[in-house]
Amino acid sequence: MSRTAAVGVGAVVLLTVAAVAVGVAWDHRRAAVVTEEPITTTDLVDQGGRPLAVKRGDRLTVDFVGDRLVDGWGATSPDNGFVAVTSRDWESGGPVEATTISAEDVDPAAVPTADIVVLALGTEDASRGELIEPFSERYGALLESMVARNPGTAFVCLGTWLPDAVGRSYDYAIRTQCQARGGRFRTLAEVYRASPEREGSGPSDADHAAIASLVTGSITTSPS
C-alpha cells in the first residue's frame, strides 16, 4: 500500500471514529443518559433514609404536581388513582386539602407552598423524546423555587412510568435534583415491572395503590 493510500485510509478511519464518537454523544443526549455507567434500578434506590416529618395544623395541605399520572392515568376511575388513595390514607390523621396541578400549569414564579408537594413529572417528557438537560434544569428550577418560597415544604419526587434506558435516565436526573434539595425520590420501576398492565395502558388500580404506598411511606405526619 502506498503512503498516500495509507494516509487516505487513516483519514477515513479518523473521520469514522470521530463520527462514531459524535454519534454516541448525540445518542446519549437523545436517550437522556446522564451518567457514563449504565443506570440500574439499584442506582435509583432512595438513599435519603428516613421519611420526612411533617407537622399538620388544622388541615394537611398537599399539592400533586404532574402529568397524566396525577390524573389517574390507567385507573378505572379517579377515585382509584394514587392521588385519591394517598389523600384518603392521610385523612386518617385529620382533614386533608389536596390539589392537583397539571404539569402544563406549573409556574416557577408561583410554585405550590403546601405542607407536602408530590411531583410526578417526566413520563410524558421522556415519551416525547425531550433531551435530559433541559428537563433536568426545569425540574431543578421548580424545586429551587419551591424551597425558596416555603423552606418547610416536604416533597416527594416520583420516577417515570417507563421501562427503558430513557426512563431510568430521567429517574436518575429526578433523583439527583430531588435529593440535592432534601426531597425523597421514589422509583416506580419495581411497580412497573410487576404490573401486568404496564404496556402503554398506564398503571392499574393495584399499581396506583402501590404508588400511593410509596408516597405515604415517604412522609410521617403528626399534630403541630
N, C-alpha and C. Protein backbone atom coordinates (compact mmCIF):
# COMPACT_ATOMS: atom_id res chain seq x y z
N MET A 1 0.86 -1.21 0.00
CA MET A 1 0.00 0.00 0.00
C MET A 1 0.88 1.23 0.00
N SER A 2 0.57 2.18 -0.85
CA SER A 2 1.36 3.39 -0.93
C SER A 2 1.11 4.27 0.28
N ARG A 3 2.06 5.20 0.52
CA ARG A 3 1.92 6.12 1.65
C ARG A 3 0.68 6.96 1.48
N THR A 4 0.39 7.37 0.26
CA THR A 4 -0.79 8.20 0.01
C THR A 4 -2.06 7.44 0.36
N ALA A 5 -2.09 6.17 -0.05
CA ALA A 5 -3.27 5.35 0.26
C ALA A 5 -3.39 5.15 1.75
N ALA A 6 -2.24 4.94 2.43
CA ALA A 6 -2.27 4.73 3.87
C ALA A 6 -2.81 5.96 4.58
N VAL A 7 -2.34 7.13 4.13
CA VAL A 7 -2.83 8.36 4.73
C VAL A 7 -4.32 8.50 4.50
N GLY A 8 -4.74 8.14 3.28
CA GLY A 8 -6.17 8.24 2.97
C GLY A 8 -6.99 7.33 3.85
N VAL A 9 -6.52 6.09 4.02
CA VAL A 9 -7.24 5.16 4.89
C VAL A 9 -7.26 5.67 6.32
N GLY A 10 -6.08 6.18 6.75
CA GLY A 10 -6.02 6.71 8.11
C GLY A 10 -6.99 7.83 8.33
N ALA A 11 -7.11 8.70 7.32
CA ALA A 11 -8.04 9.82 7.45
C ALA A 11 -9.47 9.33 7.54
N VAL A 12 -9.76 8.31 6.73
CA VAL A 12 -11.12 7.74 6.77
C VAL A 12 -11.40 7.14 8.13
N VAL A 13 -10.39 6.42 8.66
CA VAL A 13 -10.57 5.81 9.98
C VAL A 13 -10.80 6.87 11.04
N LEU A 14 -9.95 7.94 10.97
CA LEU A 14 -10.11 9.01 11.95
C LEU A 14 -11.46 9.67 11.84
N LEU A 15 -11.91 9.91 10.61
CA LEU A 15 -13.22 10.53 10.42
C LEU A 15 -14.32 9.61 10.92
N THR A 16 -14.14 8.30 10.67
CA THR A 16 -15.15 7.34 11.12
C THR A 16 -15.22 7.31 12.63
N VAL A 17 -14.04 7.28 13.27
CA VAL A 17 -14.00 7.29 14.73
C VAL A 17 -14.64 8.54 15.28
N ALA A 18 -14.32 9.68 14.66
CA ALA A 18 -14.89 10.95 15.11
C ALA A 18 -16.40 10.94 14.94
N ALA A 19 -16.85 10.41 13.79
CA ALA A 19 -18.29 10.36 13.54
C ALA A 19 -18.98 9.47 14.54
N VAL A 20 -18.35 8.32 14.83
CA VAL A 20 -18.93 7.42 15.83
C VAL A 20 -18.99 8.09 17.18
N ALA A 21 -17.89 8.80 17.56
CA ALA A 21 -17.86 9.47 18.86
C ALA A 21 -18.97 10.50 18.94
N VAL A 22 -19.11 11.29 17.86
CA VAL A 22 -20.17 12.29 17.86
C VAL A 22 -21.52 11.64 17.92
N GLY A 23 -21.66 10.53 17.17
CA GLY A 23 -22.93 9.81 17.18
C GLY A 23 -23.27 9.28 18.54
N VAL A 24 -22.26 8.74 19.24
CA VAL A 24 -22.51 8.21 20.57
C VAL A 24 -22.92 9.32 21.51
N ALA A 25 -22.22 10.46 21.44
CA ALA A 25 -22.57 11.58 22.31
C ALA A 25 -24.00 12.04 22.03
N TRP A 26 -24.35 12.12 20.74
CA TRP A 26 -25.71 12.57 20.40
C TRP A 26 -26.74 11.56 20.90
N ASP A 27 -26.44 10.27 20.68
CA ASP A 27 -27.38 9.25 21.14
C ASP A 27 -27.53 9.29 22.65
N HIS A 28 -26.46 9.56 23.35
CA HIS A 28 -26.56 9.61 24.81
C HIS A 28 -27.46 10.75 25.25
N ARG A 29 -27.36 11.90 24.59
CA ARG A 29 -28.24 13.01 24.95
C ARG A 29 -29.68 12.67 24.56
N ARG A 30 -29.83 12.08 23.37
CA ARG A 30 -31.17 11.74 22.92
C ARG A 30 -31.82 10.74 23.85
N ALA A 31 -31.01 9.77 24.30
CA ALA A 31 -31.53 8.74 25.20
C ALA A 31 -31.52 9.19 26.65
N ALA A 32 -31.16 10.43 26.87
CA ALA A 32 -31.20 11.02 28.21
C ALA A 32 -30.22 10.35 29.16
N VAL A 33 -29.11 9.85 28.64
CA VAL A 33 -28.12 9.23 29.51
C VAL A 33 -27.36 10.33 30.25
N VAL A 34 -27.37 10.28 31.56
CA VAL A 34 -26.75 11.35 32.34
C VAL A 34 -25.54 10.86 33.13
N THR A 35 -25.21 9.58 33.00
CA THR A 35 -24.01 9.07 33.64
C THR A 35 -23.27 8.22 32.62
N GLU A 36 -21.97 8.06 32.83
CA GLU A 36 -21.19 7.25 31.90
C GLU A 36 -21.47 5.77 32.09
N GLU A 37 -21.81 5.35 33.29
CA GLU A 37 -22.08 3.95 33.56
C GLU A 37 -23.56 3.64 33.33
N PRO A 38 -23.88 2.39 32.95
CA PRO A 38 -25.28 2.02 32.80
C PRO A 38 -26.05 2.24 34.10
N ILE A 39 -27.26 2.74 33.98
CA ILE A 39 -28.07 3.03 35.16
C ILE A 39 -28.97 1.84 35.46
N THR A 40 -28.91 1.34 36.66
CA THR A 40 -29.73 0.20 37.05
C THR A 40 -30.74 0.63 38.10
N THR A 41 -31.71 -0.24 38.35
CA THR A 41 -32.71 0.05 39.38
C THR A 41 -32.04 0.27 40.72
N THR A 42 -30.96 -0.47 40.99
CA THR A 42 -30.25 -0.31 42.26
C THR A 42 -29.72 1.11 42.42
N ASP A 43 -29.29 1.71 41.31
CA ASP A 43 -28.78 3.08 41.36
C ASP A 43 -29.86 4.07 41.78
N LEU A 44 -31.12 3.68 41.57
CA LEU A 44 -32.22 4.60 41.78
C LEU A 44 -32.86 4.45 43.16
N VAL A 45 -32.35 3.55 43.97
CA VAL A 45 -32.89 3.40 45.31
C VAL A 45 -32.63 4.67 46.10
N ASP A 46 -33.67 5.16 46.76
CA ASP A 46 -33.52 6.40 47.53
C ASP A 46 -32.58 6.15 48.70
N GLN A 47 -31.53 6.93 48.74
CA GLN A 47 -30.56 6.81 49.82
C GLN A 47 -30.75 7.91 50.86
N GLY A 48 -31.92 8.56 50.79
CA GLY A 48 -32.18 9.66 51.71
C GLY A 48 -32.51 9.21 53.11
N GLY A 49 -32.84 7.93 53.27
CA GLY A 49 -33.06 7.41 54.62
C GLY A 49 -34.48 7.59 55.11
N ARG A 50 -34.61 8.19 56.28
CA ARG A 50 -35.88 8.26 56.98
C ARG A 50 -36.94 9.05 56.23
N PRO A 51 -38.22 8.72 56.48
CA PRO A 51 -39.30 9.53 55.90
C PRO A 51 -39.22 10.97 56.43
N LEU A 52 -39.72 11.89 55.63
CA LEU A 52 -39.75 13.29 56.04
C LEU A 52 -40.88 13.50 57.05
N ALA A 53 -40.59 14.24 58.11
CA ALA A 53 -41.58 14.50 59.15
C ALA A 53 -42.32 15.80 58.86
N VAL A 54 -43.64 15.76 58.90
CA VAL A 54 -44.47 16.93 58.62
C VAL A 54 -45.43 17.16 59.78
N LYS A 55 -45.44 18.38 60.29
CA LYS A 55 -46.40 18.77 61.33
C LYS A 55 -47.66 19.29 60.66
N ARG A 56 -48.78 18.72 61.00
CA ARG A 56 -50.03 19.14 60.39
C ARG A 56 -50.80 20.06 61.34
N GLY A 57 -51.36 21.14 60.80
CA GLY A 57 -52.16 22.05 61.60
C GLY A 57 -53.61 21.62 61.60
N ASP A 58 -54.52 22.59 61.35
CA ASP A 58 -55.93 22.25 61.30
C ASP A 58 -56.22 21.30 60.15
N ARG A 59 -55.44 21.41 59.09
CA ARG A 59 -55.59 20.52 57.96
C ARG A 59 -54.22 20.34 57.30
N LEU A 60 -54.08 19.23 56.62
CA LEU A 60 -52.84 18.94 55.90
C LEU A 60 -53.04 19.37 54.44
N THR A 61 -52.21 20.26 53.95
CA THR A 61 -52.33 20.70 52.56
C THR A 61 -51.31 19.94 51.70
N VAL A 62 -51.82 19.39 50.60
CA VAL A 62 -50.99 18.57 49.72
C VAL A 62 -51.24 18.98 48.27
N ASP A 63 -50.19 19.25 47.55
CA ASP A 63 -50.28 19.53 46.12
C ASP A 63 -49.64 18.39 45.34
N PHE A 64 -50.37 17.88 44.36
CA PHE A 64 -49.86 16.85 43.46
C PHE A 64 -49.59 17.51 42.12
N VAL A 65 -48.33 17.58 41.73
CA VAL A 65 -47.94 18.25 40.50
C VAL A 65 -47.41 17.21 39.52
N GLY A 66 -48.01 17.18 38.33
CA GLY A 66 -47.51 16.18 37.39
C GLY A 66 -48.25 16.09 36.09
N ASP A 67 -47.90 15.06 35.34
CA ASP A 67 -48.54 14.80 34.06
C ASP A 67 -49.74 13.90 34.28
N ARG A 68 -50.05 13.05 33.32
CA ARG A 68 -51.29 12.27 33.41
C ARG A 68 -51.32 11.29 34.58
N LEU A 69 -50.18 11.02 35.18
CA LEU A 69 -50.20 10.14 36.35
C LEU A 69 -51.05 10.72 37.48
N VAL A 70 -51.00 12.04 37.67
CA VAL A 70 -51.77 12.64 38.76
C VAL A 70 -53.26 12.70 38.41
N ASP A 71 -53.59 12.49 37.13
CA ASP A 71 -54.99 12.47 36.71
C ASP A 71 -55.60 11.08 36.82
N GLY A 72 -54.80 10.14 37.30
CA GLY A 72 -55.31 8.77 37.45
C GLY A 72 -55.19 7.93 36.19
N TRP A 73 -54.22 8.26 35.35
CA TRP A 73 -54.00 7.53 34.10
C TRP A 73 -53.95 6.03 34.35
N GLY A 74 -54.79 5.28 33.66
CA GLY A 74 -54.80 3.83 33.76
C GLY A 74 -55.75 3.27 34.80
N ALA A 75 -56.13 4.07 35.79
CA ALA A 75 -57.05 3.61 36.83
C ALA A 75 -58.47 3.53 36.28
N THR A 76 -59.30 2.70 36.89
CA THR A 76 -60.67 2.55 36.43
C THR A 76 -61.51 3.78 36.73
N SER A 77 -61.07 4.60 37.69
CA SER A 77 -61.74 5.86 38.00
C SER A 77 -60.76 6.74 38.76
N PRO A 78 -60.98 8.06 38.76
CA PRO A 78 -60.09 8.95 39.52
C PRO A 78 -60.00 8.56 41.00
N ASP A 79 -61.08 8.01 41.55
CA ASP A 79 -61.06 7.61 42.96
C ASP A 79 -60.07 6.49 43.24
N ASN A 80 -59.66 5.79 42.19
CA ASN A 80 -58.70 4.70 42.36
C ASN A 80 -57.29 5.11 41.95
N GLY A 81 -57.11 6.38 41.55
CA GLY A 81 -55.78 6.88 41.23
C GLY A 81 -54.97 7.10 42.49
N PHE A 82 -53.66 7.18 42.35
CA PHE A 82 -52.81 7.28 43.53
C PHE A 82 -53.04 8.57 44.31
N VAL A 83 -53.47 9.64 43.62
CA VAL A 83 -53.73 10.90 44.32
C VAL A 83 -54.86 10.71 45.33
N ALA A 84 -55.96 10.11 44.88
CA ALA A 84 -57.11 9.90 45.76
C ALA A 84 -56.78 8.90 46.86
N VAL A 85 -56.06 7.84 46.51
CA VAL A 85 -55.71 6.82 47.51
C VAL A 85 -54.78 7.41 48.57
N THR A 86 -53.79 8.19 48.13
CA THR A 86 -52.87 8.84 49.08
C THR A 86 -53.62 9.79 50.00
N SER A 87 -54.51 10.59 49.42
CA SER A 87 -55.26 11.56 50.21
C SER A 87 -56.12 10.86 51.26
N ARG A 88 -56.78 9.78 50.88
CA ARG A 88 -57.62 9.04 51.84
C ARG A 88 -56.78 8.47 52.97
N ASP A 89 -55.59 8.02 52.64
CA ASP A 89 -54.71 7.47 53.68
C ASP A 89 -54.34 8.54 54.69
N TRP A 90 -53.99 9.73 54.20
CA TRP A 90 -53.60 10.81 55.11
C TRP A 90 -54.80 11.37 55.86
N GLU A 91 -56.00 11.20 55.33
CA GLU A 91 -57.19 11.68 56.03
C GLU A 91 -57.45 10.91 57.32
N SER A 92 -56.81 9.78 57.47
CA SER A 92 -56.98 9.03 58.72
C SER A 92 -56.40 9.80 59.91
N GLY A 93 -55.53 10.78 59.62
CA GLY A 93 -54.94 11.58 60.68
C GLY A 93 -55.57 12.95 60.82
N GLY A 94 -56.59 13.24 60.01
CA GLY A 94 -57.23 14.55 60.07
C GLY A 94 -57.56 15.05 58.67
N PRO A 95 -58.19 16.23 58.59
CA PRO A 95 -58.59 16.78 57.29
C PRO A 95 -57.40 16.99 56.36
N VAL A 96 -57.66 16.73 55.08
CA VAL A 96 -56.64 16.91 54.05
C VAL A 96 -57.21 17.77 52.93
N GLU A 97 -56.46 18.79 52.54
CA GLU A 97 -56.84 19.62 51.40
C GLU A 97 -55.87 19.31 50.27
N ALA A 98 -56.34 18.52 49.31
CA ALA A 98 -55.48 18.08 48.21
C ALA A 98 -55.80 18.83 46.93
N THR A 99 -54.76 19.24 46.22
CA THR A 99 -54.91 19.96 44.96
C THR A 99 -54.06 19.28 43.90
N THR A 100 -54.65 19.09 42.72
CA THR A 100 -53.91 18.52 41.60
C THR A 100 -53.56 19.63 40.62
N ILE A 101 -52.29 19.71 40.25
CA ILE A 101 -51.80 20.75 39.34
C ILE A 101 -51.17 20.08 38.14
N SER A 102 -51.69 20.39 36.96
CA SER A 102 -51.15 19.82 35.72
C SER A 102 -49.76 20.36 35.44
N ALA A 103 -48.94 19.54 34.83
CA ALA A 103 -47.57 19.95 34.50
C ALA A 103 -47.57 21.19 33.64
N GLU A 104 -48.56 21.30 32.75
CA GLU A 104 -48.62 22.46 31.85
C GLU A 104 -48.93 23.76 32.60
N ASP A 105 -49.52 23.63 33.79
CA ASP A 105 -49.93 24.81 34.55
C ASP A 105 -48.92 25.22 35.62
N VAL A 106 -47.81 24.52 35.69
CA VAL A 106 -46.81 24.83 36.71
C VAL A 106 -46.07 26.11 36.34
N ASP A 107 -46.12 27.06 37.22
CA ASP A 107 -45.43 28.34 37.03
C ASP A 107 -44.35 28.46 38.10
N PRO A 108 -43.07 28.42 37.72
CA PRO A 108 -42.00 28.53 38.72
C PRO A 108 -42.09 29.78 39.57
N ALA A 109 -42.76 30.83 39.05
CA ALA A 109 -42.89 32.07 39.82
C ALA A 109 -44.02 31.99 40.83
N ALA A 110 -44.85 30.96 40.72
CA ALA A 110 -45.97 30.80 41.65
C ALA A 110 -46.09 29.33 42.02
N VAL A 111 -45.00 28.78 42.51
CA VAL A 111 -44.96 27.35 42.81
C VAL A 111 -45.80 27.03 44.04
N PRO A 112 -46.20 25.77 44.18
CA PRO A 112 -47.01 25.38 45.33
C PRO A 112 -46.29 25.62 46.66
N THR A 113 -47.06 25.96 47.67
CA THR A 113 -46.50 26.19 49.01
C THR A 113 -47.26 25.37 50.04
N ALA A 114 -47.64 24.18 49.68
CA ALA A 114 -48.38 23.31 50.58
C ALA A 114 -47.44 22.67 51.60
N ASP A 115 -48.05 21.97 52.57
CA ASP A 115 -47.23 21.23 53.53
C ASP A 115 -46.41 20.15 52.83
N ILE A 116 -47.05 19.51 51.86
CA ILE A 116 -46.42 18.43 51.10
C ILE A 116 -46.67 18.66 49.62
N VAL A 117 -45.65 18.47 48.81
CA VAL A 117 -45.80 18.51 47.36
C VAL A 117 -45.28 17.19 46.80
N VAL A 118 -46.12 16.54 46.02
CA VAL A 118 -45.76 15.28 45.36
C VAL A 118 -45.62 15.58 43.87
N LEU A 119 -44.44 15.30 43.32
CA LEU A 119 -44.19 15.57 41.91
C LEU A 119 -44.16 14.26 41.13
N ALA A 120 -44.92 14.22 40.04
CA ALA A 120 -44.93 13.05 39.15
C ALA A 120 -44.70 13.56 37.73
N LEU A 121 -43.49 13.98 37.47
CA LEU A 121 -43.11 14.57 36.19
C LEU A 121 -42.10 13.68 35.47
N GLY A 122 -42.05 13.79 34.16
CA GLY A 122 -41.01 13.11 33.39
C GLY A 122 -41.51 12.05 32.44
N THR A 123 -42.62 11.38 32.76
CA THR A 123 -43.09 10.30 31.90
C THR A 123 -43.42 10.80 30.50
N GLU A 124 -44.19 11.86 30.41
CA GLU A 124 -44.57 12.38 29.11
C GLU A 124 -43.39 13.09 28.44
N ASP A 125 -42.55 13.74 29.23
CA ASP A 125 -41.37 14.40 28.66
C ASP A 125 -40.46 13.37 27.99
N ALA A 126 -40.24 12.26 28.68
CA ALA A 126 -39.39 11.21 28.13
C ALA A 126 -40.04 10.58 26.91
N SER A 127 -41.35 10.38 26.96
CA SER A 127 -42.07 9.77 25.84
C SER A 127 -41.99 10.64 24.60
N ARG A 128 -41.95 11.95 24.80
CA ARG A 128 -41.84 12.88 23.66
C ARG A 128 -40.42 12.99 23.14
N GLY A 129 -39.46 12.40 23.85
CA GLY A 129 -38.08 12.45 23.42
C GLY A 129 -37.36 13.72 23.80
N GLU A 130 -37.85 14.43 24.81
CA GLU A 130 -37.17 15.65 25.24
C GLU A 130 -35.79 15.32 25.78
N LEU A 131 -34.82 16.14 25.45
CA LEU A 131 -33.47 15.92 25.95
C LEU A 131 -33.44 16.06 27.46
N ILE A 132 -32.54 15.32 28.07
CA ILE A 132 -32.50 15.27 29.52
C ILE A 132 -32.05 16.59 30.13
N GLU A 133 -31.14 17.30 29.47
CA GLU A 133 -30.57 18.51 30.07
C GLU A 133 -31.62 19.58 30.34
N PRO A 134 -32.43 19.97 29.35
CA PRO A 134 -33.44 20.99 29.64
C PRO A 134 -34.49 20.51 30.64
N PHE A 135 -34.83 19.23 30.58
CA PHE A 135 -35.80 18.71 31.56
C PHE A 135 -35.22 18.81 32.96
N SER A 136 -33.99 18.36 33.13
CA SER A 136 -33.36 18.38 34.44
C SER A 136 -33.25 19.80 34.98
N GLU A 137 -32.92 20.75 34.10
CA GLU A 137 -32.81 22.14 34.52
C GLU A 137 -34.16 22.69 34.97
N ARG A 138 -35.22 22.38 34.23
CA ARG A 138 -36.56 22.85 34.60
C ARG A 138 -37.00 22.23 35.92
N TYR A 139 -36.71 20.95 36.08
CA TYR A 139 -37.09 20.25 37.31
C TYR A 139 -36.36 20.86 38.50
N GLY A 140 -35.07 21.07 38.34
CA GLY A 140 -34.30 21.65 39.42
C GLY A 140 -34.75 23.06 39.76
N ALA A 141 -35.09 23.85 38.73
CA ALA A 141 -35.56 25.22 38.96
C ALA A 141 -36.88 25.23 39.71
N LEU A 142 -37.76 24.28 39.39
CA LEU A 142 -39.03 24.19 40.09
C LEU A 142 -38.81 23.87 41.56
N LEU A 143 -37.95 22.91 41.84
CA LEU A 143 -37.66 22.57 43.24
C LEU A 143 -36.99 23.73 43.97
N GLU A 144 -36.08 24.41 43.28
CA GLU A 144 -35.39 25.53 43.90
C GLU A 144 -36.37 26.63 44.28
N SER A 145 -37.32 26.92 43.37
CA SER A 145 -38.33 27.94 43.65
C SER A 145 -39.21 27.50 44.82
N MET A 146 -39.51 26.23 44.86
CA MET A 146 -40.35 25.69 45.92
C MET A 146 -39.68 25.86 47.28
N VAL A 147 -38.40 25.51 47.33
CA VAL A 147 -37.66 25.62 48.59
C VAL A 147 -37.53 27.09 49.01
N ALA A 148 -37.30 27.98 48.03
CA ALA A 148 -37.11 29.40 48.34
C ALA A 148 -38.39 30.01 48.89
N ARG A 149 -39.53 29.65 48.35
CA ARG A 149 -40.79 30.24 48.77
C ARG A 149 -41.30 29.65 50.08
N ASN A 150 -41.03 28.38 50.29
CA ASN A 150 -41.52 27.74 51.51
C ASN A 150 -40.54 26.65 51.93
N PRO A 151 -39.51 27.02 52.69
CA PRO A 151 -38.49 26.05 53.09
C PRO A 151 -39.05 24.87 53.87
N GLY A 152 -40.24 25.03 54.44
CA GLY A 152 -40.81 23.95 55.23
C GLY A 152 -41.55 22.90 54.43
N THR A 153 -41.72 23.11 53.14
CA THR A 153 -42.43 22.13 52.32
C THR A 153 -41.64 20.84 52.21
N ALA A 154 -42.34 19.73 52.42
CA ALA A 154 -41.73 18.42 52.21
C ALA A 154 -42.18 17.92 50.84
N PHE A 155 -41.25 17.46 50.03
CA PHE A 155 -41.68 16.99 48.73
C PHE A 155 -41.17 15.59 48.41
N VAL A 156 -42.03 14.88 47.69
CA VAL A 156 -41.74 13.52 47.24
C VAL A 156 -41.69 13.55 45.72
N CYS A 157 -40.62 13.03 45.15
CA CYS A 157 -40.43 13.05 43.70
C CYS A 157 -40.55 11.62 43.16
N LEU A 158 -41.58 11.38 42.38
CA LEU A 158 -41.78 10.05 41.79
C LEU A 158 -41.03 9.94 40.48
N GLY A 159 -40.56 8.74 40.20
CA GLY A 159 -39.90 8.48 38.93
C GLY A 159 -40.91 8.31 37.81
N THR A 160 -40.44 7.92 36.65
CA THR A 160 -41.28 7.80 35.48
C THR A 160 -41.91 6.41 35.37
N TRP A 161 -43.02 6.36 34.63
CA TRP A 161 -43.67 5.07 34.34
C TRP A 161 -43.18 4.61 32.97
N LEU A 162 -41.91 4.23 32.93
CA LEU A 162 -41.26 3.80 31.69
C LEU A 162 -40.25 2.71 32.02
N PRO A 163 -40.07 1.75 31.12
CA PRO A 163 -39.17 0.64 31.43
C PRO A 163 -37.76 0.78 30.89
N ASP A 164 -37.55 1.63 29.89
CA ASP A 164 -36.31 1.59 29.14
C ASP A 164 -35.24 2.50 29.72
N ALA A 165 -34.10 2.53 29.02
CA ALA A 165 -32.97 3.32 29.50
C ALA A 165 -33.31 4.80 29.58
N VAL A 166 -34.18 5.26 28.71
CA VAL A 166 -34.58 6.67 28.76
C VAL A 166 -35.29 6.96 30.07
N GLY A 167 -36.22 6.09 30.44
CA GLY A 167 -36.94 6.27 31.69
C GLY A 167 -36.02 6.24 32.89
N ARG A 168 -35.09 5.29 32.91
CA ARG A 168 -34.17 5.20 34.04
C ARG A 168 -33.28 6.43 34.12
N SER A 169 -32.89 6.95 32.97
CA SER A 169 -32.03 8.13 32.97
C SER A 169 -32.78 9.36 33.47
N TYR A 170 -34.05 9.49 33.08
CA TYR A 170 -34.86 10.57 33.63
C TYR A 170 -34.99 10.40 35.14
N ASP A 171 -35.20 9.17 35.58
CA ASP A 171 -35.31 8.91 37.02
C ASP A 171 -34.03 9.33 37.74
N TYR A 172 -32.90 9.05 37.13
CA TYR A 172 -31.63 9.42 37.75
C TYR A 172 -31.53 10.94 37.91
N ALA A 173 -31.95 11.66 36.87
CA ALA A 173 -31.93 13.13 36.94
C ALA A 173 -32.90 13.64 38.00
N ILE A 174 -34.08 13.04 38.05
CA ILE A 174 -35.08 13.43 39.05
C ILE A 174 -34.55 13.19 40.45
N ARG A 175 -33.98 12.00 40.65
CA ARG A 175 -33.44 11.69 41.98
C ARG A 175 -32.34 12.67 42.37
N THR A 176 -31.44 12.97 41.43
CA THR A 176 -30.34 13.88 41.72
C THR A 176 -30.85 15.25 42.14
N GLN A 177 -31.79 15.80 41.37
CA GLN A 177 -32.33 17.12 41.68
C GLN A 177 -33.12 17.10 42.99
N CYS A 178 -33.87 16.04 43.21
CA CYS A 178 -34.73 15.94 44.39
C CYS A 178 -33.92 15.82 45.68
N GLN A 179 -33.00 14.89 45.70
CA GLN A 179 -32.24 14.65 46.92
C GLN A 179 -31.30 15.80 47.24
N ALA A 180 -30.86 16.52 46.21
CA ALA A 180 -29.97 17.68 46.45
C ALA A 180 -30.69 18.76 47.23
N ARG A 181 -32.03 18.72 47.23
CA ARG A 181 -32.81 19.75 47.91
C ARG A 181 -33.64 19.18 49.05
N GLY A 182 -33.23 18.02 49.53
CA GLY A 182 -33.85 17.46 50.73
C GLY A 182 -35.13 16.69 50.51
N GLY A 183 -35.50 16.41 49.25
CA GLY A 183 -36.72 15.66 48.98
C GLY A 183 -36.49 14.17 49.02
N ARG A 184 -37.56 13.45 48.84
CA ARG A 184 -37.49 11.99 48.80
C ARG A 184 -37.86 11.51 47.40
N PHE A 185 -36.96 10.75 46.79
CA PHE A 185 -37.21 10.18 45.47
C PHE A 185 -37.73 8.76 45.62
N ARG A 186 -38.72 8.41 44.80
CA ARG A 186 -39.24 7.04 44.79
C ARG A 186 -39.35 6.57 43.34
N THR A 187 -38.57 5.55 42.99
CA THR A 187 -38.66 4.97 41.67
C THR A 187 -39.93 4.12 41.55
N LEU A 188 -40.51 4.12 40.35
CA LEU A 188 -41.68 3.29 40.09
C LEU A 188 -41.30 2.01 39.35
N ALA A 189 -40.00 1.77 39.22
CA ALA A 189 -39.52 0.65 38.41
C ALA A 189 -40.05 -0.70 38.89
N GLU A 190 -40.04 -0.91 40.20
CA GLU A 190 -40.49 -2.20 40.72
C GLU A 190 -41.99 -2.40 40.51
N VAL A 191 -42.74 -1.31 40.69
CA VAL A 191 -44.19 -1.39 40.46
C VAL A 191 -44.45 -1.66 38.98
N TYR A 192 -43.73 -0.98 38.12
CA TYR A 192 -43.88 -1.16 36.69
C TYR A 192 -43.57 -2.60 36.29
N ARG A 193 -42.47 -3.11 36.81
CA ARG A 193 -42.03 -4.45 36.43
C ARG A 193 -43.05 -5.51 36.85
N ALA A 194 -43.71 -5.29 37.98
CA ALA A 194 -44.67 -6.28 38.48
C ALA A 194 -46.06 -6.12 37.87
N SER A 195 -46.27 -5.05 37.11
CA SER A 195 -47.61 -4.76 36.60
C SER A 195 -47.90 -5.53 35.32
N PRO A 196 -49.06 -6.20 35.26
CA PRO A 196 -49.44 -6.87 34.02
C PRO A 196 -50.06 -5.90 33.01
N GLU A 197 -50.30 -4.66 33.44
CA GLU A 197 -50.99 -3.68 32.59
C GLU A 197 -50.06 -2.59 32.09
N ARG A 198 -48.77 -2.83 32.18
CA ARG A 198 -47.85 -1.72 32.00
C ARG A 198 -47.71 -1.23 30.57
N GLU A 199 -47.92 -2.07 29.59
CA GLU A 199 -47.61 -1.70 28.22
C GLU A 199 -48.58 -0.67 27.65
N GLY A 200 -48.27 0.59 27.81
CA GLY A 200 -48.99 1.66 27.17
C GLY A 200 -50.33 2.03 27.76
N SER A 201 -50.81 1.24 28.71
CA SER A 201 -52.15 1.50 29.23
C SER A 201 -52.14 2.24 30.56
N GLY A 202 -50.98 2.52 31.08
CA GLY A 202 -50.90 3.22 32.36
C GLY A 202 -51.03 2.26 33.52
N PRO A 203 -50.78 2.75 34.74
CA PRO A 203 -50.85 1.90 35.93
C PRO A 203 -52.28 1.43 36.19
N SER A 204 -52.42 0.20 36.65
CA SER A 204 -53.74 -0.33 37.03
C SER A 204 -54.13 0.22 38.40
N ASP A 205 -55.32 -0.14 38.85
CA ASP A 205 -55.74 0.27 40.19
C ASP A 205 -54.75 -0.23 41.24
N ALA A 206 -54.33 -1.48 41.08
CA ALA A 206 -53.37 -2.04 42.04
C ALA A 206 -52.04 -1.30 41.98
N ASP A 207 -51.64 -0.90 40.77
CA ASP A 207 -50.39 -0.14 40.63
C ASP A 207 -50.51 1.22 41.30
N HIS A 208 -51.65 1.88 41.11
CA HIS A 208 -51.85 3.18 41.75
C HIS A 208 -51.82 3.04 43.27
N ALA A 209 -52.39 1.95 43.78
CA ALA A 209 -52.34 1.72 45.23
C ALA A 209 -50.90 1.54 45.70
N ALA A 210 -50.10 0.84 44.89
CA ALA A 210 -48.70 0.65 45.25
C ALA A 210 -47.93 1.97 45.20
N ILE A 211 -48.23 2.80 44.21
CA ILE A 211 -47.59 4.12 44.13
C ILE A 211 -47.97 4.97 45.33
N ALA A 212 -49.24 4.91 45.72
CA ALA A 212 -49.69 5.65 46.90
C ALA A 212 -48.92 5.21 48.14
N SER A 213 -48.64 3.92 48.25
CA SER A 213 -47.87 3.42 49.39
C SER A 213 -46.45 3.97 49.39
N LEU A 214 -45.87 4.13 48.20
CA LEU A 214 -44.54 4.72 48.12
C LEU A 214 -44.55 6.17 48.62
N VAL A 215 -45.62 6.88 48.28
CA VAL A 215 -45.73 8.28 48.70
C VAL A 215 -45.93 8.39 50.20
N THR A 216 -46.93 7.69 50.71
CA THR A 216 -47.21 7.78 52.14
C THR A 216 -46.07 7.22 53.00
N GLY A 217 -45.33 6.29 52.44
CA GLY A 217 -44.18 5.74 53.17
C GLY A 217 -43.01 6.70 53.23
N SER A 218 -43.08 7.78 52.44
CA SER A 218 -42.00 8.77 52.40
C SER A 218 -42.24 9.91 53.39
N ILE A 219 -43.43 9.95 53.99
CA ILE A 219 -43.80 11.06 54.87
C ILE A 219 -44.42 10.52 56.16
N THR A 220 -44.07 11.14 57.27
CA THR A 220 -44.78 10.87 58.51
C THR A 220 -45.42 12.20 58.97
N THR A 221 -46.66 12.13 59.35
CA THR A 221 -47.35 13.34 59.80
C THR A 221 -47.71 13.23 61.28
N SER A 222 -47.72 14.37 61.94
CA SER A 222 -48.08 14.40 63.37
C SER A 222 -48.68 15.77 63.68
N PRO A 223 -49.49 15.86 64.75
CA PRO A 223 -50.10 17.16 65.09
C PRO A 223 -49.03 18.20 65.38
N SER A 224 -49.32 19.45 65.04
CA SER A 224 -48.35 20.53 65.29
C SER A 224 -48.43 20.98 66.75
